Amino acid sequence: MPGLVMGAGNGAAASASACLTADNRTAHDVCVDLTLISVDHQVMGGVPCVTGTRIPVATVVGLVANGLSTDEIIAEYPQLTAGDVQACLGYAARAVDERELPVRLSA
């Protein structure tokens, strides 16, 4: 993900609080505490997770999509905080804003 600053292989974020994008902001960009989300190839194969857990961002976002409140998610996963849930939503919002365009190779 361009513009995302993550720690050097240990899953720790390089910045305590930073925006997921530096220069190319969109209307829905939010600042996310990057210490709450980690991407480490040794944890869940590099799937973005809540730091210090093996709970994928996608799991938390899926629970929200299924109508669970933050309190209900925390009841299911007591190691999470309301800030963790918010960080997952912010991370996911920025992730889906990324676009991949096909490159046509000329003959």
PDB file of N, CA and C in Angstrom:
ATOM      1  N   MET A   1       0.850  -1.167   0.000  1.00  0.00           N
ATOM      2  CA  MET A   1       0.000   0.000   0.000  1.00  0.00           C
ATOM      3  C   MET A   1       0.895   1.229   0.000  1.00  0.00           C
ATOM      4  N   PRO A   2       0.907   2.028  -1.036  1.00  0.00           N
ATOM      5  CA  PRO A   2       1.774   3.187  -1.105  1.00  0.00           C
ATOM      6  C   PRO A   2       1.456   4.172   0.004  1.00  0.00           C
ATOM      7  N   GLY A   3       2.503   4.716   0.579  1.00  0.00           N
ATOM      8  CA  GLY A   3       2.346   5.726   1.597  1.00  0.00           C
ATOM      9  C   GLY A   3       2.182   5.175   3.003  1.00  0.00           C
ATOM     10  N   LEU A   4       2.025   3.878   3.162  1.00  0.00           N
ATOM     11  CA  LEU A   4       1.848   3.288   4.471  1.00  0.00           C
ATOM     12  C   LEU A   4       3.215   3.042   5.073  1.00  0.00           C
ATOM     13  N   VAL A   5       3.436   3.533   6.260  1.00  0.00           N
ATOM     14  CA  VAL A   5       4.715   3.387   6.928  1.00  0.00           C
ATOM     15  C   VAL A   5       4.559   2.339   8.006  1.00  0.00           C
ATOM     16  N   MET A   6       5.257   1.244   7.864  1.00  0.00           N
ATOM     17  CA  MET A   6       5.201   0.197   8.865  1.00  0.00           C
ATOM     18  C   MET A   6       6.609  -0.046   9.389  1.00  0.00           C
ATOM     19  N   GLY A   7       6.711  -0.728  10.509  1.00  0.00           N
ATOM     20  CA  GLY A   7       7.995  -1.014  11.129  1.00  0.00           C
ATOM     21  C   GLY A   7       8.832  -1.940  10.282  1.00  0.00           C
ATOM     22  N   ALA A   8      10.071  -2.057  10.663  1.00  0.00           N
ATOM     23  CA  ALA A   8      11.036  -2.830   9.888  1.00  0.00           C
ATOM     24  C   ALA A   8      10.949  -4.302  10.227  1.00  0.00           C
ATOM     25  N   GLY A   9       9.871  -4.945   9.774  1.00  0.00           N
ATOM     26  CA  GLY A   9       9.777  -6.388   9.876  1.00  0.00           C
ATOM     27  C   GLY A   9       9.263  -6.921  11.198  1.00  0.00           C
ATOM     28  N   ASN A  10       9.171  -6.104  12.238  1.00  0.00           N
ATOM     29  CA  ASN A  10       8.712  -6.630  13.512  1.00  0.00           C
ATOM     30  C   ASN A  10       7.244  -6.349  13.770  1.00  0.00           C
ATOM     31  N   GLY A  11       6.571  -5.724  12.809  1.00  0.00           N
ATOM     32  CA  GLY A  11       5.155  -5.461  12.957  1.00  0.00           C
ATOM     33  C   GLY A  11       4.856  -4.171  13.688  1.00  0.00           C
ATOM     34  N   ALA A  12       5.857  -3.564  14.280  1.00  0.00           N
ATOM     35  CA  ALA A  12       5.621  -2.302  14.978  1.00  0.00           C
ATOM     36  C   ALA A  12       5.574  -1.175  13.978  1.00  0.00           C
ATOM     37  N   ALA A  13       4.722  -0.230  14.228  1.00  0.00           N
ATOM     38  CA  ALA A  13       4.602   0.898  13.311  1.00  0.00           C
ATOM     39  C   ALA A  13       5.725   1.885  13.560  1.00  0.00           C
ATOM     40  N   ALA A  14       6.115   2.576  12.515  1.00  0.00           N
ATOM     41  CA  ALA A  14       7.210   3.527  12.602  1.00  0.00           C
ATOM     42  C   ALA A  14       6.775   4.825  13.249  1.00  0.00           C
ATOM     43  N   SER A  15       5.500   5.104  13.232  1.00  0.00           N
ATOM     44  CA  SER A  15       5.004   6.355  13.779  1.00  0.00           C
ATOM     45  C   SER A  15       3.831   6.079  14.691  1.00  0.00           C
ATOM     46  N   ALA A  16       3.783   6.759  15.826  1.00  0.00           N
ATOM     47  CA  ALA A  16       2.700   6.517  16.776  1.00  0.00           C
ATOM     48  C   ALA A  16       1.358   6.965  16.225  1.00  0.00           C
ATOM     49  N   SER A  17       1.346   8.048  15.486  1.00  0.00           N
ATOM     50  CA  SER A  17       0.102   8.526  14.909  1.00  0.00           C
ATOM     51  C   SER A  17       0.432   9.204  13.594  1.00  0.00           C
ATOM     52  N   ALA A  18      -0.045   8.642  12.523  1.00  0.00           N
ATOM     53  CA  ALA A  18       0.264   9.190  11.212  1.00  0.00           C
ATOM     54  C   ALA A  18      -0.887   8.918  10.279  1.00  0.00           C
ATOM     55  N   CYS A  19      -0.982   9.697   9.243  1.00  0.00           N
ATOM     56  CA  CYS A  19      -2.000   9.440   8.238  1.00  0.00           C
ATOM     57  C   CYS A  19      -1.502   8.331   7.336  1.00  0.00           C
ATOM     58  N   LEU A  20      -2.413   7.516   6.859  1.00  0.00           N
ATOM     59  CA  LEU A  20      -2.029   6.422   5.985  1.00  0.00           C
ATOM     60  C   LEU A  20      -1.501   6.925   4.655  1.00  0.00           C
ATOM     61  N   THR A  21      -1.824   8.118   4.308  1.00  0.00           N
ATOM     62  CA  THR A  21      -1.334   8.680   3.064  1.00  0.00           C
ATOM     63  C   THR A  21      -0.700  10.030   3.368  1.00  0.00           C
ATOM     64  N   ALA A  22       0.369  10.327   2.701  1.00  0.00           N
ATOM     65  CA  ALA A  22       1.070  11.568   2.984  1.00  0.00           C
ATOM     66  C   ALA A  22       0.642  12.685   2.047  1.00  0.00           C
ATOM     67  N   ASP A  23       0.617  12.431   0.766  1.00  0.00           N
ATOM     68  CA  ASP A  23       0.409  13.494  -0.199  1.00  0.00           C
ATOM     69  C   ASP A  23      -0.897  13.413  -0.966  1.00  0.00           C
ATOM     70  N   ASN A  24      -1.383  12.227  -1.234  1.00  0.00           N
ATOM     71  CA  ASN A  24      -2.552  12.070  -2.092  1.00  0.00           C
ATOM     72  C   ASN A  24      -3.795  11.783  -1.270  1.00  0.00           C
ATOM     73  N   ARG A  25      -4.212  12.744  -0.478  1.00  0.00           N
ATOM     74  CA  ARG A  25      -5.370  12.574   0.399  1.00  0.00           C
ATOM     75  C   ARG A  25      -6.672  12.628  -0.376  1.00  0.00           C
ATOM     76  N   THR A  26      -7.643  11.906   0.143  1.00  0.00           N
ATOM     77  CA  THR A  26      -8.986  11.961  -0.402  1.00  0.00           C
ATOM     78  C   THR A  26      -9.910  12.507   0.667  1.00  0.00           C
ATOM     79  N   ALA A  27     -11.150  12.762   0.313  1.00  0.00           N
ATOM     80  CA  ALA A  27     -12.101  13.390   1.232  1.00  0.00           C
ATOM     81  C   ALA A  27     -12.339  12.554   2.481  1.00  0.00           C
ATOM     82  N   HIS A  28     -12.196  11.234   2.412  1.00  0.00           N
ATOM     83  CA  HIS A  28     -12.495  10.404   3.579  1.00  0.00           C
ATOM     84  C   HIS A  28     -11.258   9.947   4.335  1.00  0.00           C
ATOM     85  N   ASP A  29     -10.098  10.477   3.995  1.00  0.00           N
ATOM     86  CA  ASP A  29      -8.892  10.095   4.716  1.00  0.00           C
ATOM     87  C   ASP A  29      -9.016  10.475   6.189  1.00  0.00           C
ATOM     88  N   VAL A  30      -8.580   9.588   7.014  1.00  0.00           N
ATOM     89  CA  VAL A  30      -8.546   9.856   8.443  1.00  0.00           C
ATOM     90  C   VAL A  30      -7.167   9.487   8.952  1.00  0.00           C
ATOM     91  N   CYS A  31      -6.775  10.098  10.035  1.00  0.00           N
ATOM     92  CA  CYS A  31      -5.516   9.707  10.660  1.00  0.00           C
ATOM     93  C   CYS A  31      -5.782   8.484  11.521  1.00  0.00           C
ATOM     94  N   VAL A  32      -4.894   7.521  11.424  1.00  0.00           N
ATOM     95  CA  VAL A  32      -5.035   6.275  12.154  1.00  0.00           C
ATOM     96  C   VAL A  32      -3.772   6.069  12.973  1.00  0.00           C
ATOM     97  N   ASP A  33      -3.941   5.643  14.207  1.00  0.00           N
ATOM     98  CA  ASP A  33      -2.793   5.318  15.041  1.00  0.00           C
ATOM     99  C   ASP A  33      -2.193   4.028  14.490  1.00  0.00           C
ATOM    100  N   LEU A  34      -1.089   4.159  13.766  1.00  0.00           N
ATOM    101  CA  LEU A  34      -0.502   3.007  13.083  1.00  0.00           C
ATOM    102  C   LEU A  34       0.100   1.989  14.040  1.00  0.00           C
ATOM    103  N   THR A  35       0.236   2.319  15.305  1.00  0.00           N
ATOM    104  CA  THR A  35       0.716   1.316  16.246  1.00  0.00           C
ATOM    105  C   THR A  35      -0.361   0.271  16.520  1.00  0.00           C
ATOM    106  N   LEU A  36      -1.593   0.540  16.121  1.00  0.00           N
ATOM    107  CA  LEU A  36      -2.700  -0.386  16.379  1.00  0.00           C
ATOM    108  C   LEU A  36      -2.871  -1.442  15.297  1.00  0.00           C
ATOM    109  N   ILE A  37      -2.283  -1.223  14.125  1.00  0.00           N
ATOM    110  CA  ILE A  37      -2.369  -2.183  13.016  1.00  0.00           C
ATOM    111  C   ILE A  37      -0.954  -2.567  12.626  1.00  0.00           C
ATOM    112  N   SER A  38      -0.716  -3.852  12.477  1.00  0.00           N
ATOM    113  CA  SER A  38       0.612  -4.296  12.071  1.00  0.00           C
ATOM    114  C   SER A  38       0.507  -5.264  10.900  1.00  0.00           C
ATOM    115  N   VAL A  39       1.537  -5.227  10.087  1.00  0.00           N
ATOM    116  CA  VAL A  39       1.668  -6.144   8.961  1.00  0.00           C
ATOM    117  C   VAL A  39       3.037  -6.782   9.102  1.00  0.00           C
ATOM    118  N   ASP A  40       3.038  -8.056   9.446  1.00  0.00           N
ATOM    119  CA  ASP A  40       4.280  -8.772   9.712  1.00  0.00           C
ATOM    120  C   ASP A  40       4.184 -10.138   9.040  1.00  0.00           C
ATOM    121  N   HIS A  41       5.124 -10.435   8.176  1.00  0.00           N
ATOM    122  CA  HIS A  41       5.064 -11.706   7.441  1.00  0.00           C
ATOM    123  C   HIS A  41       5.130 -12.920   8.370  1.00  0.00           C
ATOM    124  N   GLN A  42       5.579 -12.739   9.596  1.00  0.00           N
ATOM    125  CA  GLN A  42       5.649 -13.853  10.542  1.00  0.00           C
ATOM    126  C   GLN A  42       4.366 -14.024  11.361  1.00  0.00           C
ATOM    127  N   VAL A  43       3.446 -13.101  11.213  1.00  0.00           N
ATOM    128  CA  VAL A  43       2.169 -13.180  11.919  1.00  0.00           C
ATOM    129  C   VAL A  43       1.052 -13.250  10.883  1.00  0.00           C
ATOM    130  N   MET A  44       0.359 -14.352  10.850  1.00  0.00           N
ATOM    131  CA  MET A  44      -0.763 -14.553   9.924  1.00  0.00           C
ATOM    132  C   MET A  44      -0.346 -14.346   8.466  1.00  0.00           C
ATOM    133  N   GLY A  45       0.884 -14.647   8.147  1.00  0.00           N
ATOM    134  CA  GLY A  45       1.359 -14.567   6.767  1.00  0.00           C
ATOM    135  C   GLY A  45       1.351 -13.155   6.191  1.00  0.00           C
ATOM    136  N   GLY A  46       1.422 -12.146   7.048  1.00  0.00           N
ATOM    137  CA  GLY A  46       1.464 -10.772   6.570  1.00  0.00           C
ATOM    138  C   GLY A  46       0.105 -10.123   6.412  1.00  0.00           C
ATOM    139  N   VAL A  47      -0.947 -10.791   6.847  1.00  0.00           N
ATOM    140  CA  VAL A  47      -2.287 -10.203   6.813  1.00  0.00           C
ATOM    141  C   VAL A  47      -2.317  -9.074   7.841  1.00  0.00           C
ATOM    142  N   PRO A  48      -2.854  -7.902   7.489  1.00  0.00           N
ATOM    143  CA  PRO A  48      -2.940  -6.820   8.467  1.00  0.00           C
ATOM    144  C   PRO A  48      -3.772  -7.252   9.676  1.00  0.00           C
ATOM    145  N   CYS A  49      -3.191  -7.108  10.874  1.00  0.00           N
ATOM    146  CA  CYS A  49      -3.838  -7.525  12.117  1.00  0.00           C
ATOM    147  C   CYS A  49      -3.769  -6.402  13.142  1.00  0.00           C
ATOM    148  N   VAL A  50      -4.615  -6.524  14.155  1.00  0.00           N
ATOM    149  CA  VAL A  50      -4.515  -5.637  15.297  1.00  0.00           C
ATOM    150  C   VAL A  50      -3.211  -5.995  16.009  1.00  0.00           C
ATOM    151  N   THR A  51      -2.387  -4.995  16.255  1.00  0.00           N
ATOM    152  CA  THR A  51      -1.070  -5.215  16.842  1.00  0.00           C
ATOM    153  C   THR A  51      -1.168  -5.984  18.153  1.00  0.00           C
ATOM    154  N   GLY A  52      -0.290  -6.981  18.292  1.00  0.00           N
ATOM    155  CA  GLY A  52      -0.243  -7.784  19.504  1.00  0.00           C
ATOM    156  C   GLY A  52      -1.260  -8.902  19.538  1.00  0.00           C
ATOM    157  N   THR A  53      -2.008  -9.057  18.449  1.00  0.00           N
ATOM    158  CA  THR A  53      -3.002 -10.126  18.366  1.00  0.00           C
ATOM    159  C   THR A  53      -2.846 -10.828  17.026  1.00  0.00           C
ATOM    160  N   ARG A  54      -3.623 -11.855  16.855  1.00  0.00           N
ATOM    161  CA  ARG A  54      -3.709 -12.519  15.561  1.00  0.00           C
ATOM    162  C   ARG A  54      -5.106 -12.285  14.976  1.00  0.00           C
ATOM    163  N   ILE A  55      -5.679 -11.149  15.313  1.00  0.00           N
ATOM    164  CA  ILE A  55      -7.021 -10.799  14.834  1.00  0.00           C
ATOM    165  C   ILE A  55      -6.874  -9.931  13.593  1.00  0.00           C
ATOM    166  N   PRO A  56      -7.250 -10.469  12.425  1.00  0.00           N
ATOM    167  CA  PRO A  56      -7.121  -9.701  11.187  1.00  0.00           C
ATOM    168  C   PRO A  56      -8.061  -8.501  11.137  1.00  0.00           C
ATOM    169  N   VAL A  57      -7.595  -7.450  10.491  1.00  0.00           N
ATOM    170  CA  VAL A  57      -8.420  -6.270  10.244  1.00  0.00           C
ATOM    171  C   VAL A  57      -9.709  -6.696   9.553  1.00  0.00           C
ATOM    172  N   ALA A  58      -9.607  -7.610   8.591  1.00  0.00           N
ATOM    173  CA  ALA A  58     -10.783  -8.060   7.834  1.00  0.00           C
ATOM    174  C   ALA A  58     -11.831  -8.700   8.737  1.00  0.00           C
ATOM    175  N   THR A  59     -11.401  -9.384   9.782  1.00  0.00           N
ATOM    176  CA  THR A  59     -12.347  -9.987  10.714  1.00  0.00           C
ATOM    177  C   THR A  59     -13.151  -8.915  11.432  1.00  0.00           C
ATOM    178  N   VAL A  60     -12.469  -7.890  11.910  1.00  0.00           N
ATOM    179  CA  VAL A  60     -13.140  -6.811  12.632  1.00  0.00           C
ATOM    180  C   VAL A  60     -14.082  -6.060  11.697  1.00  0.00           C
ATOM    181  N   VAL A  61     -13.612  -5.764  10.493  1.00  0.00           N
ATOM    182  CA  VAL A  61     -14.454  -5.054   9.533  1.00  0.00           C
ATOM    183  C   VAL A  61     -15.666  -5.905   9.162  1.00  0.00           C
ATOM    184  N   GLY A  62     -15.476  -7.193   9.019  1.00  0.00           N
ATOM    185  CA  GLY A  62     -16.585  -8.095   8.722  1.00  0.00           C
ATOM    186  C   GLY A  62     -17.631  -8.105   9.822  1.00  0.00           C
ATOM    187  N   LEU A  63     -17.184  -8.056  11.063  1.00  0.00           N
ATOM    188  CA  LEU A  63     -18.132  -8.014  12.178  1.00  0.00           C
ATOM    189  C   LEU A  63     -18.948  -6.729  12.159  1.00  0.00           C
ATOM    190  N   VAL A  64     -18.294  -5.619  11.856  1.00  0.00           N
ATOM    191  CA  VAL A  64     -19.015  -4.345  11.739  1.00  0.00           C
ATOM    192  C   VAL A  64     -20.020  -4.430  10.594  1.00  0.00           C
ATOM    193  N   ALA A  65     -19.595  -5.001   9.474  1.00  0.00           N
ATOM    194  CA  ALA A  65     -20.479  -5.134   8.307  1.00  0.00           C
ATOM    195  C   ALA A  65     -21.693  -6.004   8.625  1.00  0.00           C
ATOM    196  N   ASN A  66     -21.525  -6.946   9.542  1.00  0.00           N
ATOM    197  CA  ASN A  66     -22.639  -7.808   9.936  1.00  0.00           C
ATOM    198  C   ASN A  66     -23.511  -7.186  11.022  1.00  0.00           C
ATOM    199  N   GLY A  67     -23.234  -5.932  11.365  1.00  0.00           N
ATOM    200  CA  GLY A  67     -24.108  -5.214  12.269  1.00  0.00           C
ATOM    201  C   GLY A  67     -23.709  -5.203  13.729  1.00  0.00           C
ATOM    202  N   LEU A  68     -22.567  -5.776  14.076  1.00  0.00           N
ATOM    203  CA  LEU A  68     -22.154  -5.766  15.472  1.00  0.00           C
ATOM    204  C   LEU A  68     -21.662  -4.376  15.862  1.00  0.00           C
ATOM    205  N   SER A  69     -21.972  -3.978  17.076  1.00  0.00           N
ATOM    206  CA  SER A  69     -21.487  -2.701  17.591  1.00  0.00           C
ATOM    207  C   SER A  69     -20.064  -2.892  18.121  1.00  0.00           C
ATOM    208  N   THR A  70     -19.404  -1.793  18.394  1.00  0.00           N
ATOM    209  CA  THR A  70     -18.057  -1.861  18.963  1.00  0.00           C
ATOM    210  C   THR A  70     -18.084  -2.636  20.273  1.00  0.00           C
ATOM    211  N   ASP A  71     -19.072  -2.383  21.116  1.00  0.00           N
ATOM    212  CA  ASP A  71     -19.179  -3.090  22.390  1.00  0.00           C
ATOM    213  C   ASP A  71     -19.368  -4.594  22.193  1.00  0.00           C
ATOM    214  N   GLU A  72     -20.150  -4.984  21.205  1.00  0.00           N
ATOM    215  CA  GLU A  72     -20.355  -6.407  20.929  1.00  0.00           C
ATOM    216  C   GLU A  72     -19.074  -7.061  20.416  1.00  0.00           C
ATOM    217  N   ILE A  73     -18.314  -6.335  19.608  1.00  0.00           N
ATOM    218  CA  ILE A  73     -17.040  -6.868  19.103  1.00  0.00           C
ATOM    219  C   ILE A  73     -16.070  -7.053  20.261  1.00  0.00           C
ATOM    220  N   ILE A  74     -16.012  -6.068  21.142  1.00  0.00           N
ATOM    221  CA  ILE A  74     -15.110  -6.163  22.294  1.00  0.00           C
ATOM    222  C   ILE A  74     -15.542  -7.306  23.217  1.00  0.00           C
ATOM    223  N   ALA A  75     -16.834  -7.555  23.321  1.00  0.00           N
ATOM    224  CA  ALA A  75     -17.313  -8.680  24.125  1.00  0.00           C
ATOM    225  C   ALA A  75     -16.849 -10.008  23.530  1.00  0.00           C
ATOM    226  N   GLU A  76     -16.822 -10.104  22.199  1.00  0.00           N
ATOM    227  CA  GLU A  76     -16.358 -11.315  21.517  1.00  0.00           C
ATOM    228  C   GLU A  76     -14.839 -11.453  21.564  1.00  0.00           C
ATOM    229  N   TYR A  77     -14.147 -10.328  21.497  1.00  0.00           N
ATOM    230  CA  TYR A  77     -12.681 -10.279  21.488  1.00  0.00           C
ATOM    231  C   TYR A  77     -12.227  -9.302  22.568  1.00  0.00           C
ATOM    232  N   PRO A  78     -12.189  -9.736  23.834  1.00  0.00           N
ATOM    233  CA  PRO A  78     -11.906  -8.815  24.941  1.00  0.00           C
ATOM    234  C   PRO A  78     -10.525  -8.159  24.885  1.00  0.00           C
ATOM    235  N   GLN A  79      -9.622  -8.703  24.093  1.00  0.00           N
ATOM    236  CA  GLN A  79      -8.294  -8.088  23.989  1.00  0.00           C
ATOM    237  C   GLN A  79      -8.320  -6.822  23.123  1.00  0.00           C
ATOM    238  N   LEU A  80      -9.426  -6.583  22.423  1.00  0.00           N
ATOM    239  CA  LEU A  80      -9.553  -5.392  21.590  1.00  0.00           C
ATOM    240  C   LEU A  80     -10.090  -4.214  22.397  1.00  0.00           C
ATOM    241  N   THR A  81      -9.783  -3.020  21.894  1.00  0.00           N
ATOM    242  CA  THR A  81     -10.333  -1.795  22.470  1.00  0.00           C
ATOM    243  C   THR A  81     -11.170  -1.098  21.407  1.00  0.00           C
ATOM    244  N   ALA A  82     -11.908  -0.091  21.820  1.00  0.00           N
ATOM    245  CA  ALA A  82     -12.680   0.696  20.855  1.00  0.00           C
ATOM    246  C   ALA A  82     -11.743   1.352  19.845  1.00  0.00           C
ATOM    247  N   GLY A  83     -10.566   1.754  20.289  1.00  0.00           N
ATOM    248  CA  GLY A  83      -9.579   2.340  19.387  1.00  0.00           C
ATOM    249  C   GLY A  83      -9.093   1.355  18.334  1.00  0.00           C
ATOM    250  N   ASP A  84      -8.956   0.085  18.722  1.00  0.00           N
ATOM    251  CA  ASP A  84      -8.561  -0.953  17.768  1.00  0.00           C
ATOM    252  C   ASP A  84      -9.607  -1.107  16.673  1.00  0.00           C
ATOM    253  N   VAL A  85     -10.872  -1.129  17.066  1.00  0.00           N
ATOM    254  CA  VAL A  85     -11.960  -1.270  16.091  1.00  0.00           C
ATOM    255  C   VAL A  85     -11.947  -0.078  15.136  1.00  0.00           C
ATOM    256  N   GLN A  86     -11.793   1.118  15.681  1.00  0.00           N
ATOM    257  CA  GLN A  86     -11.753   2.325  14.842  1.00  0.00           C
ATOM    258  C   GLN A  86     -10.558   2.302  13.903  1.00  0.00           C
ATOM    259  N   ALA A  87      -9.408   1.837  14.403  1.00  0.00           N
ATOM    260  CA  ALA A  87      -8.208   1.754  13.565  1.00  0.00           C
ATOM    261  C   ALA A  87      -8.417   0.768  12.412  1.00  0.00           C
ATOM    262  N   CYS A  88      -9.098  -0.343  12.679  1.00  0.00           N
ATOM    263  CA  CYS A  88      -9.387  -1.321  11.622  1.00  0.00           C
ATOM    264  C   CYS A  88     -10.258  -0.694  10.541  1.00  0.00           C
ATOM    265  N   LEU A  89     -11.263   0.062  10.959  1.00  0.00           N
ATOM    266  CA  LEU A  89     -12.153   0.697   9.980  1.00  0.00           C
ATOM    267  C   LEU A  89     -11.394   1.754   9.169  1.00  0.00           C
ATOM    268  N   GLY A  90     -10.556   2.531   9.823  1.00  0.00           N
ATOM    269  CA  GLY A  90      -9.770   3.532   9.110  1.00  0.00           C
ATOM    270  C   GLY A  90      -8.796   2.904   8.138  1.00  0.00           C
ATOM    271  N   TYR A  91      -8.154   1.816   8.561  1.00  0.00           N
ATOM    272  CA  TYR A  91      -7.212   1.104   7.696  1.00  0.00           C
ATOM    273  C   TYR A  91      -7.947   0.550   6.474  1.00  0.00           C
ATOM    274  N   ALA A  92      -9.097  -0.054   6.703  1.00  0.00           N
ATOM    275  CA  ALA A  92      -9.871  -0.636   5.601  1.00  0.00           C
ATOM    276  C   ALA A  92     -10.364   0.436   4.639  1.00  0.00           C
ATOM    277  N   ALA A  93     -10.794   1.578   5.171  1.00  0.00           N
ATOM    278  CA  ALA A  93     -11.271   2.663   4.301  1.00  0.00           C
ATOM    279  C   ALA A  93     -10.174   3.121   3.366  1.00  0.00           C
ATOM    280  N   ARG A  94      -8.977   3.249   3.882  1.00  0.00           N
ATOM    281  CA  ARG A  94      -7.856   3.695   3.040  1.00  0.00           C
ATOM    282  C   ARG A  94      -7.448   2.584   2.058  1.00  0.00           C
ATOM    283  N   ALA A  95      -7.517   1.343   2.507  1.00  0.00           N
ATOM    284  CA  ALA A  95      -7.112   0.232   1.648  1.00  0.00           C
ATOM    285  C   ALA A  95      -8.001   0.108   0.417  1.00  0.00           C
ATOM    286  N   VAL A  96      -9.305   0.302   0.583  1.00  0.00           N
ATOM    287  CA  VAL A  96     -10.206   0.163  -0.561  1.00  0.00           C
ATOM    288  C   VAL A  96     -10.145   1.379  -1.472  1.00  0.00           C
ATOM    289  N   ASP A  97      -9.516   2.440  -1.016  1.00  0.00           N
ATOM    290  CA  ASP A  97      -9.358   3.624  -1.855  1.00  0.00           C
ATOM    291  C   ASP A  97      -8.221   3.454  -2.859  1.00  0.00           C
ATOM    292  N   GLU A  98      -7.363   2.478  -2.623  1.00  0.00           N
ATOM    293  CA  GLU A  98      -6.263   2.213  -3.556  1.00  0.00           C
ATOM    294  C   GLU A  98      -6.829   1.641  -4.850  1.00  0.00           C
ATOM    295  N   ARG A  99      -6.237   2.034  -5.946  1.00  0.00           N
ATOM    296  CA  ARG A  99      -6.692   1.554  -7.247  1.00  0.00           C
ATOM    297  C   ARG A  99      -5.551   0.899  -8.001  1.00  0.00           C
ATOM    298  N   GLU A 100      -5.863  -0.202  -8.640  1.00  0.00           N
ATOM    299  CA  GLU A 100      -4.886  -0.868  -9.484  1.00  0.00           C
ATOM    300  C   GLU A 100      -5.380  -0.754 -10.922  1.00  0.00           C
ATOM    301  N   LEU A 101      -4.534  -0.192 -11.740  1.00  0.00           N
ATOM    302  CA  LEU A 101      -4.894  -0.039 -13.148  1.00  0.00           C
ATOM    303  C   LEU A 101      -4.042  -0.996 -13.971  1.00  0.00           C
ATOM    304  N   PRO A 102      -4.673  -1.680 -14.912  1.00  0.00           N
ATOM    305  CA  PRO A 102      -3.903  -2.600 -15.745  1.00  0.00           C
ATOM    306  C   PRO A 102      -2.949  -1.824 -16.653  1.00  0.00           C
ATOM    307  N   VAL A 103      -1.820  -2.393 -16.894  1.00  0.00           N
ATOM    308  CA  VAL A 103      -0.836  -1.793 -17.778  1.00  0.00           C
ATOM    309  C   VAL A 103      -0.876  -2.538 -19.092  1.00  0.00           C
ATOM    310  N   ARG A 104      -1.098  -1.798 -20.156  1.00  0.00           N
ATOM    311  CA  ARG A 104      -1.113  -2.424 -21.480  1.00  0.00           C
ATOM    312  C   ARG A 104       0.300  -2.392 -22.034  1.00  0.00           C
ATOM    313  N   LEU A 105       0.756  -3.539 -22.424  1.00  0.00           N
ATOM    314  CA  LEU A 105       2.062  -3.624 -23.056  1.00  0.00           C
ATOM    315  C   LEU A 105       1.898  -3.447 -24.551  1.00  0.00           C
ATOM    316  N   SER A 106       2.627  -2.505 -25.098  1.00  0.00           N
ATOM    317  CA  SER A 106       2.512  -2.300 -26.547  1.00  0.00           C
ATOM    318  C   SER A 106       3.315  -3.358 -27.274  1.00  0.00           C
ATOM    319  N   ALA A 107       2.860  -3.680 -28.473  1.00  0.00           N
ATOM    320  CA  ALA A 107       3.493  -4.736 -29.257  1.00  0.00           C
ATOM    321  C   ALA A 107       4.762  -4.281 -29.891  1.00  0.00           C
TER     322      ALA A 107
END
